[in-house]
mmCIF file of all heavy atoms, coordinates in Angstrom:
data_MODEL
# 
_entry.id   MODEL 
# 
loop_
_atom_site.group_PDB 
_atom_site.id 
_atom_site.type_symbol 
_atom_site.label_atom_id 
_atom_site.label_alt_id 
_atom_site.label_comp_id 
_atom_site.label_asym_id 
_atom_site.label_entity_id 
_atom_site.label_seq_id 
_atom_site.pdbx_PDB_ins_code 
_atom_site.Cartn_x 
_atom_site.Cartn_y 
_atom_site.Cartn_z 
_atom_site.occupancy 
_atom_site.B_iso_or_equiv 
_atom_site.pdbx_formal_charge 
_atom_site.auth_seq_id 
_atom_site.auth_comp_id 
_atom_site.auth_asym_id 
_atom_site.auth_atom_id 
_atom_site.pdbx_PDB_model_num 
ATOM 1   N N   . GLN A 1 1  ? -12.221 -10.443 -18.328 1.00 0.00 ? 1  GLN A N   1 
ATOM 2   C CA  . GLN A 1 1  ? -12.794 -11.089 -17.239 1.00 0.00 ? 1  GLN A CA  1 
ATOM 3   C C   . GLN A 1 1  ? -13.932 -10.278 -16.610 1.00 0.00 ? 1  GLN A C   1 
ATOM 4   O O   . GLN A 1 1  ? -15.019 -10.797 -16.262 1.00 0.00 ? 1  GLN A O   1 
ATOM 5   C CB  . GLN A 1 1  ? -11.679 -11.397 -16.157 1.00 0.00 ? 1  GLN A CB  1 
ATOM 6   C CG  . GLN A 1 1  ? -10.673 -12.415 -16.537 1.00 0.00 ? 1  GLN A CG  1 
ATOM 7   C CD  . GLN A 1 1  ? -9.624  -12.499 -15.489 1.00 0.00 ? 1  GLN A CD  1 
ATOM 8   O OE1 . GLN A 1 1  ? -9.211  -11.523 -14.890 1.00 0.00 ? 1  GLN A OE1 1 
ATOM 9   N NE2 . GLN A 1 1  ? -9.082  -13.719 -15.307 1.00 0.00 ? 1  GLN A NE2 1 
ATOM 10  N N   . ALA A 1 2  ? -13.688 -8.969  -16.349 1.00 0.00 ? 2  ALA A N   1 
ATOM 11  C CA  . ALA A 1 2  ? -14.631 -8.140  -15.712 1.00 0.00 ? 2  ALA A CA  1 
ATOM 12  C C   . ALA A 1 2  ? -15.815 -7.926  -16.582 1.00 0.00 ? 2  ALA A C   1 
ATOM 13  O O   . ALA A 1 2  ? -17.033 -7.793  -16.004 1.00 0.00 ? 2  ALA A O   1 
ATOM 14  C CB  . ALA A 1 2  ? -13.907 -6.685  -15.347 1.00 0.00 ? 2  ALA A CB  1 
ATOM 15  N N   . LEU A 1 3  ? -15.785 -7.809  -17.861 1.00 0.00 ? 3  LEU A N   1 
ATOM 16  C CA  . LEU A 1 3  ? -16.906 -7.733  -18.710 1.00 0.00 ? 3  LEU A CA  1 
ATOM 17  C C   . LEU A 1 3  ? -17.809 -8.877  -18.531 1.00 0.00 ? 3  LEU A C   1 
ATOM 18  O O   . LEU A 1 3  ? -19.029 -8.619  -18.407 1.00 0.00 ? 3  LEU A O   1 
ATOM 19  C CB  . LEU A 1 3  ? -16.451 -7.540  -20.226 1.00 0.00 ? 3  LEU A CB  1 
ATOM 20  C CG  . LEU A 1 3  ? -15.925 -6.311  -20.648 1.00 0.00 ? 3  LEU A CG  1 
ATOM 21  C CD1 . LEU A 1 3  ? -15.257 -6.391  -22.031 1.00 0.00 ? 3  LEU A CD1 1 
ATOM 22  C CD2 . LEU A 1 3  ? -16.920 -5.153  -20.715 1.00 0.00 ? 3  LEU A CD2 1 
ATOM 23  N N   . ARG A 1 4  ? -17.306 -10.082 -18.619 1.00 0.00 ? 4  ARG A N   1 
ATOM 24  C CA  . ARG A 1 4  ? -18.214 -11.126 -18.451 1.00 0.00 ? 4  ARG A CA  1 
ATOM 25  C C   . ARG A 1 4  ? -18.701 -11.301 -16.967 1.00 0.00 ? 4  ARG A C   1 
ATOM 26  O O   . ARG A 1 4  ? -19.884 -11.642 -16.760 1.00 0.00 ? 4  ARG A O   1 
ATOM 27  C CB  . ARG A 1 4  ? -17.446 -12.530 -18.801 1.00 0.00 ? 4  ARG A CB  1 
ATOM 28  C CG  . ARG A 1 4  ? -17.130 -12.686 -20.277 1.00 0.00 ? 4  ARG A CG  1 
ATOM 29  C CD  . ARG A 1 4  ? -18.443 -12.772 -20.939 1.00 0.00 ? 4  ARG A CD  1 
ATOM 30  N NE  . ARG A 1 4  ? -18.208 -13.095 -22.472 1.00 0.00 ? 4  ARG A NE  1 
ATOM 31  C CZ  . ARG A 1 4  ? -18.627 -12.274 -23.398 1.00 0.00 ? 4  ARG A CZ  1 
ATOM 32  N NH1 . ARG A 1 4  ? -19.226 -11.198 -23.099 1.00 0.00 ? 4  ARG A NH1 1 
ATOM 33  N NH2 . ARG A 1 4  ? -18.382 -12.494 -24.620 1.00 0.00 ? 4  ARG A NH2 1 
ATOM 34  N N   . GLU A 1 5  ? -17.896 -11.001 -15.971 1.00 0.00 ? 5  GLU A N   1 
ATOM 35  C CA  . GLU A 1 5  ? -18.443 -11.030 -14.595 1.00 0.00 ? 5  GLU A CA  1 
ATOM 36  C C   . GLU A 1 5  ? -19.543 -10.009 -14.347 1.00 0.00 ? 5  GLU A C   1 
ATOM 37  O O   . GLU A 1 5  ? -20.438 -10.304 -13.542 1.00 0.00 ? 5  GLU A O   1 
ATOM 38  C CB  . GLU A 1 5  ? -17.189 -10.749 -13.621 1.00 0.00 ? 5  GLU A CB  1 
ATOM 39  C CG  . GLU A 1 5  ? -16.245 -11.823 -13.612 1.00 0.00 ? 5  GLU A CG  1 
ATOM 40  C CD  . GLU A 1 5  ? -14.999 -11.419 -12.885 1.00 0.00 ? 5  GLU A CD  1 
ATOM 41  O OE1 . GLU A 1 5  ? -14.817 -10.269 -12.425 1.00 0.00 ? 5  GLU A OE1 1 
ATOM 42  O OE2 . GLU A 1 5  ? -13.940 -12.237 -12.818 1.00 0.00 ? 5  GLU A OE2 1 
ATOM 43  N N   . GLN A 1 6  ? -19.498 -8.858  -15.071 1.00 0.00 ? 6  GLN A N   1 
ATOM 44  C CA  . GLN A 1 6  ? -20.473 -7.926  -14.961 1.00 0.00 ? 6  GLN A CA  1 
ATOM 45  C C   . GLN A 1 6  ? -21.717 -8.048  -15.928 1.00 0.00 ? 6  GLN A C   1 
ATOM 46  O O   . GLN A 1 6  ? -22.550 -7.164  -15.979 1.00 0.00 ? 6  GLN A O   1 
ATOM 47  C CB  . GLN A 1 6  ? -19.851 -6.581  -15.071 1.00 0.00 ? 6  GLN A CB  1 
ATOM 48  C CG  . GLN A 1 6  ? -18.813 -6.195  -14.028 1.00 0.00 ? 6  GLN A CG  1 
ATOM 49  C CD  . GLN A 1 6  ? -17.971 -5.000  -14.356 1.00 0.00 ? 6  GLN A CD  1 
ATOM 50  O OE1 . GLN A 1 6  ? -18.517 -3.994  -14.926 1.00 0.00 ? 6  GLN A OE1 1 
ATOM 51  N NE2 . GLN A 1 6  ? -16.744 -5.011  -13.981 1.00 0.00 ? 6  GLN A NE2 1 
ATOM 52  N N   . GLY A 1 7  ? -21.735 -9.159  -16.544 1.00 0.00 ? 7  GLY A N   1 
ATOM 53  C CA  . GLY A 1 7  ? -22.939 -9.542  -17.337 1.00 0.00 ? 7  GLY A CA  1 
ATOM 54  C C   . GLY A 1 7  ? -22.827 -9.171  -18.805 1.00 0.00 ? 7  GLY A C   1 
ATOM 55  O O   . GLY A 1 7  ? -23.897 -9.118  -19.470 1.00 0.00 ? 7  GLY A O   1 
ATOM 56  N N   . ALA A 1 8  ? -21.705 -8.658  -19.326 1.00 0.00 ? 8  ALA A N   1 
ATOM 57  C CA  . ALA A 1 8  ? -21.663 -8.215  -20.749 1.00 0.00 ? 8  ALA A CA  1 
ATOM 58  C C   . ALA A 1 8  ? -21.945 -9.493  -21.649 1.00 0.00 ? 8  ALA A C   1 
ATOM 59  O O   . ALA A 1 8  ? -21.210 -10.542 -21.528 1.00 0.00 ? 8  ALA A O   1 
ATOM 60  C CB  . ALA A 1 8  ? -20.323 -7.698  -21.061 1.00 0.00 ? 8  ALA A CB  1 
ATOM 61  N N   . ALA A 1 9  ? -22.890 -9.431  -22.464 1.00 0.00 ? 9  ALA A N   1 
ATOM 62  C CA  . ALA A 1 9  ? -23.255 -10.515 -23.325 1.00 0.00 ? 9  ALA A CA  1 
ATOM 63  C C   . ALA A 1 9  ? -22.609 -10.316 -24.750 1.00 0.00 ? 9  ALA A C   1 
ATOM 64  O O   . ALA A 1 9  ? -22.660 -11.331 -25.501 1.00 0.00 ? 9  ALA A O   1 
ATOM 65  C CB  . ALA A 1 9  ? -24.748 -10.665 -23.426 1.00 0.00 ? 9  ALA A CB  1 
ATOM 66  N N   . GLY A 1 10 ? -22.042 -9.156  -25.053 1.00 0.00 ? 10 GLY A N   1 
ATOM 67  C CA  . GLY A 1 10 ? -21.553 -8.947  -26.411 1.00 0.00 ? 10 GLY A CA  1 
ATOM 68  C C   . GLY A 1 10 ? -20.272 -9.683  -26.797 1.00 0.00 ? 10 GLY A C   1 
ATOM 69  O O   . GLY A 1 10 ? -19.604 -10.215 -25.823 1.00 0.00 ? 10 GLY A O   1 
ATOM 70  N N   . SER A 1 11 ? -19.952 -9.650  -28.028 1.00 0.00 ? 11 SER A N   1 
ATOM 71  C CA  . SER A 1 11 ? -18.696 -10.355 -28.434 1.00 0.00 ? 11 SER A CA  1 
ATOM 72  C C   . SER A 1 11 ? -17.493 -9.576  -27.897 1.00 0.00 ? 11 SER A C   1 
ATOM 73  O O   . SER A 1 11 ? -17.459 -8.392  -27.905 1.00 0.00 ? 11 SER A O   1 
ATOM 74  C CB  . SER A 1 11 ? -18.733 -10.417 -29.964 1.00 0.00 ? 11 SER A CB  1 
ATOM 75  O OG  . SER A 1 11 ? -18.863 -9.178  -30.591 1.00 0.00 ? 11 SER A OG  1 
ATOM 76  N N   . ILE A 1 12 ? -16.448 -10.347 -27.544 1.00 0.00 ? 12 ILE A N   1 
ATOM 77  C CA  . ILE A 1 12 ? -15.222 -9.762  -27.056 1.00 0.00 ? 12 ILE A CA  1 
ATOM 78  C C   . ILE A 1 12 ? -14.047 -10.410 -28.012 1.00 0.00 ? 12 ILE A C   1 
ATOM 79  O O   . ILE A 1 12 ? -13.956 -11.612 -28.037 1.00 0.00 ? 12 ILE A O   1 
ATOM 80  C CB  . ILE A 1 12 ? -14.941 -10.033 -25.575 1.00 0.00 ? 12 ILE A CB  1 
ATOM 81  C CG1 . ILE A 1 12 ? -16.050 -9.541  -24.718 1.00 0.00 ? 12 ILE A CG1 1 
ATOM 82  C CG2 . ILE A 1 12 ? -13.650 -9.545  -25.116 1.00 0.00 ? 12 ILE A CG2 1 
ATOM 83  C CD1 . ILE A 1 12 ? -15.989 -10.003 -23.257 1.00 0.00 ? 12 ILE A CD1 1 
ATOM 84  N N   . LEU A 1 13 ? -13.245 -9.543  -28.511 1.00 0.00 ? 13 LEU A N   1 
ATOM 85  C CA  . LEU A 1 13 ? -12.045 -10.026 -29.249 1.00 0.00 ? 13 LEU A CA  1 
ATOM 86  C C   . LEU A 1 13 ? -10.822 -9.375  -28.656 1.00 0.00 ? 13 LEU A C   1 
ATOM 87  O O   . LEU A 1 13 ? -10.636 -8.194  -28.536 1.00 0.00 ? 13 LEU A O   1 
ATOM 88  C CB  . LEU A 1 13 ? -12.100 -9.563  -30.719 1.00 0.00 ? 13 LEU A CB  1 
ATOM 89  C CG  . LEU A 1 13 ? -10.919 -9.835  -31.654 1.00 0.00 ? 13 LEU A CG  1 
ATOM 90  C CD1 . LEU A 1 13 ? -10.596 -11.409 -31.666 1.00 0.00 ? 13 LEU A CD1 1 
ATOM 91  C CD2 . LEU A 1 13 ? -11.023 -9.279  -33.027 1.00 0.00 ? 13 LEU A CD2 1 
ATOM 92  N N   . LEU A 1 14 ? -9.945  -10.237 -28.166 1.00 0.00 ? 14 LEU A N   1 
ATOM 93  C CA  . LEU A 1 14 ? -8.535  -9.784  -27.588 1.00 0.00 ? 14 LEU A CA  1 
ATOM 94  C C   . LEU A 1 14 ? -7.542  -10.149 -28.608 1.00 0.00 ? 14 LEU A C   1 
ATOM 95  O O   . LEU A 1 14 ? -7.338  -11.279 -29.030 1.00 0.00 ? 14 LEU A O   1 
ATOM 96  C CB  . LEU A 1 14 ? -8.352  -10.554 -26.273 1.00 0.00 ? 14 LEU A CB  1 
ATOM 97  C CG  . LEU A 1 14 ? -7.130  -10.047 -25.419 1.00 0.00 ? 14 LEU A CG  1 
ATOM 98  C CD1 . LEU A 1 14 ? -7.446  -10.362 -23.999 1.00 0.00 ? 14 LEU A CD1 1 
ATOM 99  C CD2 . LEU A 1 14 ? -5.858  -10.716 -25.900 1.00 0.00 ? 14 LEU A CD2 1 
ATOM 100 N N   . VAL A 1 15 ? -6.765  -9.117  -28.975 1.00 0.00 ? 15 VAL A N   1 
ATOM 101 C CA  . VAL A 1 15 ? -5.675  -9.270  -30.035 1.00 0.00 ? 15 VAL A CA  1 
ATOM 102 C C   . VAL A 1 15 ? -4.381  -8.937  -29.441 1.00 0.00 ? 15 VAL A C   1 
ATOM 103 O O   . VAL A 1 15 ? -4.144  -7.858  -28.863 1.00 0.00 ? 15 VAL A O   1 
ATOM 104 C CB  . VAL A 1 15 ? -5.929  -8.218  -31.171 1.00 0.00 ? 15 VAL A CB  1 
ATOM 105 C CG1 . VAL A 1 15 ? -4.928  -8.434  -32.248 1.00 0.00 ? 15 VAL A CG1 1 
ATOM 106 C CG2 . VAL A 1 15 ? -7.327  -8.549  -31.859 1.00 0.00 ? 15 VAL A CG2 1 
ATOM 107 N N   . GLY A 1 16 ? -3.439  -9.918  -29.413 1.00 0.00 ? 16 GLY A N   1 
ATOM 108 C CA  . GLY A 1 16 ? -2.149  -9.755  -28.886 1.00 0.00 ? 16 GLY A CA  1 
ATOM 109 C C   . GLY A 1 16 ? -1.070  -10.289 -29.795 1.00 0.00 ? 16 GLY A C   1 
ATOM 110 O O   . GLY A 1 16 ? -1.280  -11.323 -30.458 1.00 0.00 ? 16 GLY A O   1 
ATOM 111 N N   . ARG A 1 17 ? 0.076   -9.653  -29.856 1.00 0.00 ? 17 ARG A N   1 
ATOM 112 C CA  . ARG A 1 17 ? 1.152   -10.034 -30.783 1.00 0.00 ? 17 ARG A CA  1 
ATOM 113 C C   . ARG A 1 17 ? 2.065   -11.064 -30.205 1.00 0.00 ? 17 ARG A C   1 
ATOM 114 O O   . ARG A 1 17 ? 2.861   -11.628 -30.948 1.00 0.00 ? 17 ARG A O   1 
ATOM 115 C CB  . ARG A 1 17 ? 1.912   -8.788  -31.162 1.00 0.00 ? 17 ARG A CB  1 
ATOM 116 C CG  . ARG A 1 17 ? 2.709   -8.193  -30.073 1.00 0.00 ? 17 ARG A CG  1 
ATOM 117 C CD  . ARG A 1 17 ? 3.353   -6.851  -30.394 1.00 0.00 ? 17 ARG A CD  1 
ATOM 118 N NE  . ARG A 1 17 ? 3.994   -6.258  -29.333 1.00 0.00 ? 17 ARG A NE  1 
ATOM 119 C CZ  . ARG A 1 17 ? 4.345   -4.939  -29.234 1.00 0.00 ? 17 ARG A CZ  1 
ATOM 120 N NH1 . ARG A 1 17 ? 3.870   -4.191  -30.250 1.00 0.00 ? 17 ARG A NH1 1 
ATOM 121 N NH2 . ARG A 1 17 ? 4.848   -4.493  -28.278 1.00 0.00 ? 17 ARG A NH2 1 
ATOM 122 N N   . GLU A 1 18 ? 1.886   -11.372 -28.924 1.00 0.00 ? 18 GLU A N   1 
ATOM 123 C CA  . GLU A 1 18 ? 2.744   -12.400 -28.311 1.00 0.00 ? 18 GLU A CA  1 
ATOM 124 C C   . GLU A 1 18 ? 2.389   -13.870 -28.792 1.00 0.00 ? 18 GLU A C   1 
ATOM 125 O O   . GLU A 1 18 ? 1.297   -14.046 -29.260 1.00 0.00 ? 18 GLU A O   1 
ATOM 126 C CB  . GLU A 1 18 ? 2.757   -12.372 -26.764 1.00 0.00 ? 18 GLU A CB  1 
ATOM 127 C CG  . GLU A 1 18 ? 3.468   -11.043 -26.274 1.00 0.00 ? 18 GLU A CG  1 
ATOM 128 C CD  . GLU A 1 18 ? 3.896   -11.263 -24.812 1.00 0.00 ? 18 GLU A CD  1 
ATOM 129 O OE1 . GLU A 1 18 ? 4.407   -12.328 -24.387 1.00 0.00 ? 18 GLU A OE1 1 
ATOM 130 O OE2 . GLU A 1 18 ? 3.669   -10.336 -24.024 1.00 0.00 ? 18 GLU A OE2 1 
ATOM 131 N N   . LEU A 1 19 ? 3.326   -14.745 -28.593 1.00 0.00 ? 19 LEU A N   1 
ATOM 132 C CA  . LEU A 1 19 ? 3.082   -16.178 -28.867 1.00 0.00 ? 19 LEU A CA  1 
ATOM 133 C C   . LEU A 1 19 ? 2.073   -16.785 -28.020 1.00 0.00 ? 19 LEU A C   1 
ATOM 134 O O   . LEU A 1 19 ? 1.334   -17.774 -28.503 1.00 0.00 ? 19 LEU A O   1 
ATOM 135 C CB  . LEU A 1 19 ? 4.397   -16.962 -28.923 1.00 0.00 ? 19 LEU A CB  1 
ATOM 136 C CG  . LEU A 1 19 ? 5.616   -16.439 -29.674 1.00 0.00 ? 19 LEU A CG  1 
ATOM 137 C CD1 . LEU A 1 19 ? 6.693   -17.306 -29.541 1.00 0.00 ? 19 LEU A CD1 1 
ATOM 138 C CD2 . LEU A 1 19 ? 5.145   -16.253 -31.168 1.00 0.00 ? 19 LEU A CD2 1 
ATOM 139 N N   . ASP A 1 20 ? 1.980   -16.329 -26.782 1.00 0.00 ? 20 ASP A N   1 
ATOM 140 C CA  . ASP A 1 20 ? 1.139   -16.956 -25.789 1.00 0.00 ? 20 ASP A CA  1 
ATOM 141 C C   . ASP A 1 20 ? -0.144  -16.130 -25.572 1.00 0.00 ? 20 ASP A C   1 
ATOM 142 O O   . ASP A 1 20 ? -0.141  -14.917 -25.655 1.00 0.00 ? 20 ASP A O   1 
ATOM 143 C CB  . ASP A 1 20 ? 1.822   -17.137 -24.446 1.00 0.00 ? 20 ASP A CB  1 
ATOM 144 C CG  . ASP A 1 20 ? 3.096   -17.977 -24.640 1.00 0.00 ? 20 ASP A CG  1 
ATOM 145 O OD1 . ASP A 1 20 ? 2.883   -19.194 -24.577 1.00 0.00 ? 20 ASP A OD1 1 
ATOM 146 O OD2 . ASP A 1 20 ? 4.213   -17.500 -24.643 1.00 0.00 ? 20 ASP A OD2 1 
ATOM 147 N N   . PRO A 1 21 ? -1.260  -16.811 -25.154 1.00 0.00 ? 21 PRO A N   1 
ATOM 148 C CA  . PRO A 1 21 ? -2.297  -16.012 -24.704 1.00 0.00 ? 21 PRO A CA  1 
ATOM 149 C C   . PRO A 1 21 ? -1.964  -15.293 -23.404 1.00 0.00 ? 21 PRO A C   1 
ATOM 150 O O   . PRO A 1 21 ? -0.907  -15.455 -22.834 1.00 0.00 ? 21 PRO A O   1 
ATOM 151 C CB  . PRO A 1 21 ? -3.457  -17.130 -24.340 1.00 0.00 ? 21 PRO A CB  1 
ATOM 152 C CG  . PRO A 1 21 ? -2.978  -18.261 -25.053 1.00 0.00 ? 21 PRO A CG  1 
ATOM 153 C CD  . PRO A 1 21 ? -1.478  -18.233 -25.102 1.00 0.00 ? 21 PRO A CD  1 
ATOM 154 N N   . PRO A 1 22 ? -2.835  -14.311 -22.815 1.00 0.00 ? 22 PRO A N   1 
ATOM 155 C CA  . PRO A 1 22 ? -2.447  -13.555 -21.728 1.00 0.00 ? 22 PRO A CA  1 
ATOM 156 C C   . PRO A 1 22 ? -1.974  -14.288 -20.557 1.00 0.00 ? 22 PRO A C   1 
ATOM 157 O O   . PRO A 1 22 ? -2.449  -15.345 -20.265 1.00 0.00 ? 22 PRO A O   1 
ATOM 158 C CB  . PRO A 1 22 ? -3.752  -12.761 -21.410 1.00 0.00 ? 22 PRO A CB  1 
ATOM 159 C CG  . PRO A 1 22 ? -4.499  -12.705 -22.718 1.00 0.00 ? 22 PRO A CG  1 
ATOM 160 C CD  . PRO A 1 22 ? -4.197  -14.035 -23.329 1.00 0.00 ? 22 PRO A CD  1 
ATOM 161 N N   . TYR A 1 23 ? -0.890  -13.752 -19.846 1.00 0.00 ? 23 TYR A N   1 
ATOM 162 C CA  . TYR A 1 23 ? -0.342  -14.516 -18.793 1.00 0.00 ? 23 TYR A CA  1 
ATOM 163 C C   . TYR A 1 23 ? 0.201   -13.435 -17.729 1.00 0.00 ? 23 TYR A C   1 
ATOM 164 O O   . TYR A 1 23 ? 0.326   -12.237 -18.190 1.00 0.00 ? 23 TYR A O   1 
ATOM 165 C CB  . TYR A 1 23 ? 0.843   -15.393 -19.170 1.00 0.00 ? 23 TYR A CB  1 
ATOM 166 C CG  . TYR A 1 23 ? 1.959   -14.682 -19.861 1.00 0.00 ? 23 TYR A CG  1 
ATOM 167 C CD1 . TYR A 1 23 ? 3.029   -14.117 -19.291 1.00 0.00 ? 23 TYR A CD1 1 
ATOM 168 C CD2 . TYR A 1 23 ? 1.866   -14.746 -21.228 1.00 0.00 ? 23 TYR A CD2 1 
ATOM 169 C CE1 . TYR A 1 23 ? 3.957   -13.499 -20.086 1.00 0.00 ? 23 TYR A CE1 1 
ATOM 170 C CE2 . TYR A 1 23 ? 2.898   -14.181 -22.103 1.00 0.00 ? 23 TYR A CE2 1 
ATOM 171 C CZ  . TYR A 1 23 ? 4.007   -13.564 -21.460 1.00 0.00 ? 23 TYR A CZ  1 
ATOM 172 O OH  . TYR A 1 23 ? 4.967   -12.868 -22.154 1.00 0.00 ? 23 TYR A OH  1 
ATOM 173 N N   . HIS A 1 24 ? 0.453   -13.822 -16.462 1.00 0.00 ? 24 HIS A N   1 
ATOM 174 C CA  . HIS A 1 24 ? 1.039   -12.882 -15.507 1.00 0.00 ? 24 HIS A CA  1 
ATOM 175 C C   . HIS A 1 24 ? 2.582   -12.770 -15.773 1.00 0.00 ? 24 HIS A C   1 
ATOM 176 O O   . HIS A 1 24 ? 3.201   -13.705 -15.942 1.00 0.00 ? 24 HIS A O   1 
ATOM 177 C CB  . HIS A 1 24 ? 0.907   -13.473 -14.130 1.00 0.00 ? 24 HIS A CB  1 
ATOM 178 C CG  . HIS A 1 24 ? -0.657  -13.537 -13.659 1.00 0.00 ? 24 HIS A CG  1 
ATOM 179 N ND1 . HIS A 1 24 ? -1.254  -12.484 -13.408 1.00 0.00 ? 24 HIS A ND1 1 
ATOM 180 C CD2 . HIS A 1 24 ? -1.415  -14.677 -13.552 1.00 0.00 ? 24 HIS A CD2 1 
ATOM 181 C CE1 . HIS A 1 24 ? -2.596  -12.748 -13.093 1.00 0.00 ? 24 HIS A CE1 1 
ATOM 182 N NE2 . HIS A 1 24 ? -2.653  -14.022 -13.209 1.00 0.00 ? 24 HIS A NE2 1 
ATOM 183 N N   . ARG A 1 25 ? 3.013   -11.553 -15.631 1.00 0.00 ? 25 ARG A N   1 
ATOM 184 C CA  . ARG A 1 25 ? 4.439   -11.328 -16.039 1.00 0.00 ? 25 ARG A CA  1 
ATOM 185 C C   . ARG A 1 25 ? 5.430   -11.410 -14.854 1.00 0.00 ? 25 ARG A C   1 
ATOM 186 O O   . ARG A 1 25 ? 6.580   -11.735 -14.993 1.00 0.00 ? 25 ARG A O   1 
ATOM 187 C CB  . ARG A 1 25 ? 4.630   -9.875  -16.616 1.00 0.00 ? 25 ARG A CB  1 
ATOM 188 C CG  . ARG A 1 25 ? 4.003   -9.784  -18.027 1.00 0.00 ? 25 ARG A CG  1 
ATOM 189 C CD  . ARG A 1 25 ? 4.265   -8.490  -18.757 1.00 0.00 ? 25 ARG A CD  1 
ATOM 190 N NE  . ARG A 1 25 ? 3.537   -8.502  -20.035 1.00 0.00 ? 25 ARG A NE  1 
ATOM 191 C CZ  . ARG A 1 25 ? 3.831   -9.084  -21.153 1.00 0.00 ? 25 ARG A CZ  1 
ATOM 192 N NH1 . ARG A 1 25 ? 5.032   -9.706  -21.234 1.00 0.00 ? 25 ARG A NH1 1 
ATOM 193 N NH2 . ARG A 1 25 ? 3.137   -9.012  -22.285 1.00 0.00 ? 25 ARG A NH2 1 
ATOM 194 N N   . PRO A 1 26 ? 5.045   -11.200 -13.553 1.00 0.00 ? 26 PRO A N   1 
ATOM 195 C CA  . PRO A 1 26 ? 5.981   -11.397 -12.517 1.00 0.00 ? 26 PRO A CA  1 
ATOM 196 C C   . PRO A 1 26 ? 6.728   -12.704 -12.431 1.00 0.00 ? 26 PRO A C   1 
ATOM 197 O O   . PRO A 1 26 ? 7.800   -12.793 -12.136 1.00 0.00 ? 26 PRO A O   1 
ATOM 198 C CB  . PRO A 1 26 ? 5.098   -11.224 -11.243 1.00 0.00 ? 26 PRO A CB  1 
ATOM 199 C CG  . PRO A 1 26 ? 4.114   -10.274 -11.666 1.00 0.00 ? 26 PRO A CG  1 
ATOM 200 C CD  . PRO A 1 26 ? 3.742   -10.618 -13.092 1.00 0.00 ? 26 PRO A CD  1 
# 
């Protein structure tokens, strides 16, 4: 989120082993 908010134009790849995309844990 912060990369895009700060103007990063490059490619971003997020790799996670969970079944779901990122989420809040509380």
